Amino acid sequence: MSLQPNVWTKYSSNGNNCVEVMLTDDEVLVRNSHRPGAGTLSFTHAEWDSHTQGHKLGVFDLPVDPT
């Protein structure tokens, strides 16, 4: 799925924890879909690209429990 310019797109991993993401000309905005008025994070396109590349490489994966 690709981000559409100037449209909030909702993502959910388990149905309860949802975020919305919007692509603008200058940045990528992220907010909590359950509390959209609580604030918005903003990232430059370069920052967002770096984050998504790290995600694809598993940089943000939680460690596996060795037990």
N, C-alpha and C. Protein backbone atom coordinates (compact mmCIF):
# COMPACT_ATOMS: atom_id res chain seq x y z
N MET A 1 0.84 -1.17 0.00
CA MET A 1 0.00 0.00 0.00
C MET A 1 0.88 1.24 0.00
N SER A 2 0.56 2.19 -0.81
CA SER A 2 1.31 3.44 -0.89
C SER A 2 0.51 4.55 -0.24
N LEU A 3 1.24 5.52 0.30
CA LEU A 3 0.59 6.69 0.86
C LEU A 3 0.06 7.57 -0.25
N GLN A 4 -1.14 8.07 -0.08
CA GLN A 4 -1.74 9.00 -1.03
C GLN A 4 -1.51 10.41 -0.51
N PRO A 5 -1.13 11.35 -1.33
CA PRO A 5 -0.88 12.72 -0.89
C PRO A 5 -2.10 13.35 -0.21
N ASN A 6 -1.85 13.96 0.94
CA ASN A 6 -2.85 14.76 1.67
C ASN A 6 -4.09 13.99 2.10
N VAL A 7 -3.94 12.68 2.36
CA VAL A 7 -5.03 11.85 2.84
C VAL A 7 -4.52 11.04 4.03
N TRP A 8 -5.24 11.07 5.15
CA TRP A 8 -4.85 10.24 6.29
C TRP A 8 -5.11 8.78 5.95
N THR A 9 -4.11 7.93 6.14
CA THR A 9 -4.21 6.50 5.90
C THR A 9 -4.01 5.78 7.22
N LYS A 10 -4.97 4.91 7.59
CA LYS A 10 -4.93 4.22 8.88
C LYS A 10 -4.21 2.87 8.74
N TYR A 11 -3.34 2.60 9.72
CA TYR A 11 -2.63 1.32 9.79
C TYR A 11 -2.88 0.72 11.15
N SER A 12 -3.12 -0.59 11.18
CA SER A 12 -3.36 -1.29 12.43
C SER A 12 -2.68 -2.64 12.39
N SER A 13 -1.99 -2.98 13.48
CA SER A 13 -1.33 -4.28 13.51
C SER A 13 -2.23 -5.35 14.13
N ASN A 14 -3.11 -4.96 15.04
CA ASN A 14 -3.97 -5.96 15.68
C ASN A 14 -5.39 -5.46 15.87
N GLY A 15 -5.75 -4.36 15.27
CA GLY A 15 -7.10 -3.84 15.39
C GLY A 15 -7.29 -2.85 16.51
N ASN A 16 -6.39 -2.83 17.49
CA ASN A 16 -6.54 -1.92 18.63
C ASN A 16 -5.58 -0.74 18.56
N ASN A 17 -4.34 -0.99 18.20
CA ASN A 17 -3.33 0.06 18.14
C ASN A 17 -3.23 0.58 16.73
N CYS A 18 -3.83 1.74 16.50
CA CYS A 18 -3.89 2.28 15.15
C CYS A 18 -3.16 3.62 15.06
N VAL A 19 -2.48 3.80 13.97
CA VAL A 19 -1.88 5.09 13.66
C VAL A 19 -2.38 5.51 12.29
N GLU A 20 -2.36 6.81 12.05
CA GLU A 20 -2.70 7.34 10.76
C GLU A 20 -1.48 8.10 10.24
N VAL A 21 -1.25 7.97 8.95
CA VAL A 21 -0.09 8.60 8.30
C VAL A 21 -0.58 9.40 7.11
N MET A 22 0.00 10.61 6.94
CA MET A 22 -0.35 11.44 5.79
C MET A 22 0.92 11.97 5.15
N LEU A 23 0.99 11.84 3.84
CA LEU A 23 2.08 12.38 3.04
C LEU A 23 1.71 13.77 2.57
N THR A 24 2.57 14.76 2.82
CA THR A 24 2.36 16.11 2.29
C THR A 24 3.53 16.42 1.34
N ASP A 25 3.52 17.60 0.77
CA ASP A 25 4.60 17.99 -0.14
C ASP A 25 5.95 18.03 0.57
N ASP A 26 5.96 18.39 1.85
CA ASP A 26 7.22 18.60 2.58
C ASP A 26 7.53 17.58 3.66
N GLU A 27 6.51 16.85 4.12
CA GLU A 27 6.74 15.97 5.27
C GLU A 27 5.75 14.83 5.31
N VAL A 28 5.99 13.93 6.28
CA VAL A 28 5.08 12.83 6.57
C VAL A 28 4.57 13.06 7.99
N LEU A 29 3.26 13.05 8.15
CA LEU A 29 2.63 13.29 9.45
C LEU A 29 2.11 11.97 10.01
N VAL A 30 2.21 11.80 11.34
CA VAL A 30 1.76 10.59 12.01
C VAL A 30 0.96 10.99 13.24
N ARG A 31 -0.18 10.33 13.46
CA ARG A 31 -0.99 10.60 14.64
C ARG A 31 -1.68 9.33 15.11
N ASN A 32 -2.15 9.37 16.35
CA ASN A 32 -2.92 8.27 16.94
C ASN A 32 -4.34 8.36 16.38
N SER A 33 -4.82 7.32 15.74
CA SER A 33 -6.15 7.38 15.13
C SER A 33 -7.26 7.45 16.16
N HIS A 34 -7.01 6.97 17.38
CA HIS A 34 -8.03 7.02 18.44
C HIS A 34 -8.08 8.40 19.10
N ARG A 35 -6.99 9.17 18.99
CA ARG A 35 -6.92 10.49 19.58
C ARG A 35 -6.26 11.47 18.61
N PRO A 36 -6.88 11.74 17.48
CA PRO A 36 -6.24 12.56 16.45
C PRO A 36 -5.95 14.00 16.90
N GLY A 37 -6.67 14.49 17.88
CA GLY A 37 -6.43 15.84 18.36
C GLY A 37 -5.32 15.94 19.39
N ALA A 38 -4.75 14.82 19.78
CA ALA A 38 -3.73 14.80 20.84
C ALA A 38 -2.36 15.26 20.36
N GLY A 39 -2.18 15.39 19.08
CA GLY A 39 -0.89 15.83 18.55
C GLY A 39 -0.48 15.03 17.34
N THR A 40 0.45 15.59 16.60
CA THR A 40 0.93 14.98 15.36
C THR A 40 2.44 15.03 15.33
N LEU A 41 3.06 13.94 14.96
CA LEU A 41 4.50 13.91 14.74
C LEU A 41 4.75 14.22 13.27
N SER A 42 5.83 14.93 13.00
CA SER A 42 6.15 15.22 11.60
C SER A 42 7.59 14.82 11.31
N PHE A 43 7.79 14.31 10.11
CA PHE A 43 9.09 13.83 9.67
C PHE A 43 9.34 14.35 8.25
N THR A 44 10.59 14.70 7.96
CA THR A 44 10.92 15.04 6.58
C THR A 44 10.83 13.77 5.74
N HIS A 45 10.77 13.92 4.45
CA HIS A 45 10.74 12.74 3.58
C HIS A 45 12.01 11.90 3.77
N ALA A 46 13.16 12.54 3.96
CA ALA A 46 14.41 11.81 4.19
C ALA A 46 14.36 11.03 5.49
N GLU A 47 13.83 11.63 6.55
CA GLU A 47 13.71 10.93 7.83
C GLU A 47 12.77 9.73 7.70
N TRP A 48 11.64 9.92 7.01
CA TRP A 48 10.68 8.83 6.84
C TRP A 48 11.29 7.70 6.01
N ASP A 49 12.01 8.05 4.97
CA ASP A 49 12.67 7.04 4.14
C ASP A 49 13.69 6.25 4.96
N SER A 50 14.46 6.94 5.79
CA SER A 50 15.43 6.27 6.64
C SER A 50 14.73 5.31 7.61
N HIS A 51 13.63 5.76 8.18
CA HIS A 51 12.86 4.91 9.11
C HIS A 51 12.32 3.66 8.40
N THR A 52 11.72 3.85 7.23
CA THR A 52 11.14 2.70 6.54
C THR A 52 12.22 1.72 6.07
N GLN A 53 13.38 2.23 5.68
CA GLN A 53 14.48 1.34 5.31
C GLN A 53 14.95 0.54 6.52
N GLY A 54 15.06 1.20 7.68
CA GLY A 54 15.43 0.51 8.91
C GLY A 54 14.42 -0.55 9.29
N HIS A 55 13.15 -0.23 9.09
CA HIS A 55 12.10 -1.20 9.39
C HIS A 55 12.24 -2.45 8.51
N LYS A 56 12.47 -2.23 7.23
CA LYS A 56 12.64 -3.35 6.31
C LYS A 56 13.84 -4.22 6.67
N LEU A 57 14.86 -3.61 7.26
CA LEU A 57 16.07 -4.35 7.65
C LEU A 57 15.95 -5.01 9.03
N GLY A 58 14.84 -4.75 9.72
CA GLY A 58 14.64 -5.35 11.03
C GLY A 58 15.30 -4.58 12.18
N VAL A 59 15.73 -3.36 11.94
CA VAL A 59 16.41 -2.56 12.96
C VAL A 59 15.55 -2.37 14.20
N PHE A 60 14.24 -2.29 14.05
CA PHE A 60 13.36 -1.99 15.17
C PHE A 60 12.68 -3.22 15.76
N ASP A 61 13.07 -4.41 15.32
CA ASP A 61 12.48 -5.63 15.84
C ASP A 61 12.85 -5.82 17.31
N LEU A 62 11.89 -6.27 18.11
CA LEU A 62 12.16 -6.57 19.51
C LEU A 62 13.07 -7.79 19.59
N PRO A 63 13.92 -7.85 20.63
CA PRO A 63 14.80 -9.02 20.74
C PRO A 63 13.97 -10.29 21.03
N VAL A 64 14.48 -11.40 20.55
CA VAL A 64 13.84 -12.69 20.77
C VAL A 64 14.17 -13.15 22.18
N ASP A 65 13.17 -13.61 22.92
CA ASP A 65 13.37 -14.11 24.28
C ASP A 65 14.11 -15.43 24.21
N PRO A 66 15.31 -15.52 24.80
CA PRO A 66 16.13 -16.74 24.68
C PRO A 66 15.64 -17.90 25.53
N THR A 67 14.62 -17.69 26.37
CA THR A 67 14.16 -18.79 27.24
C THR A 67 13.18 -19.69 26.57
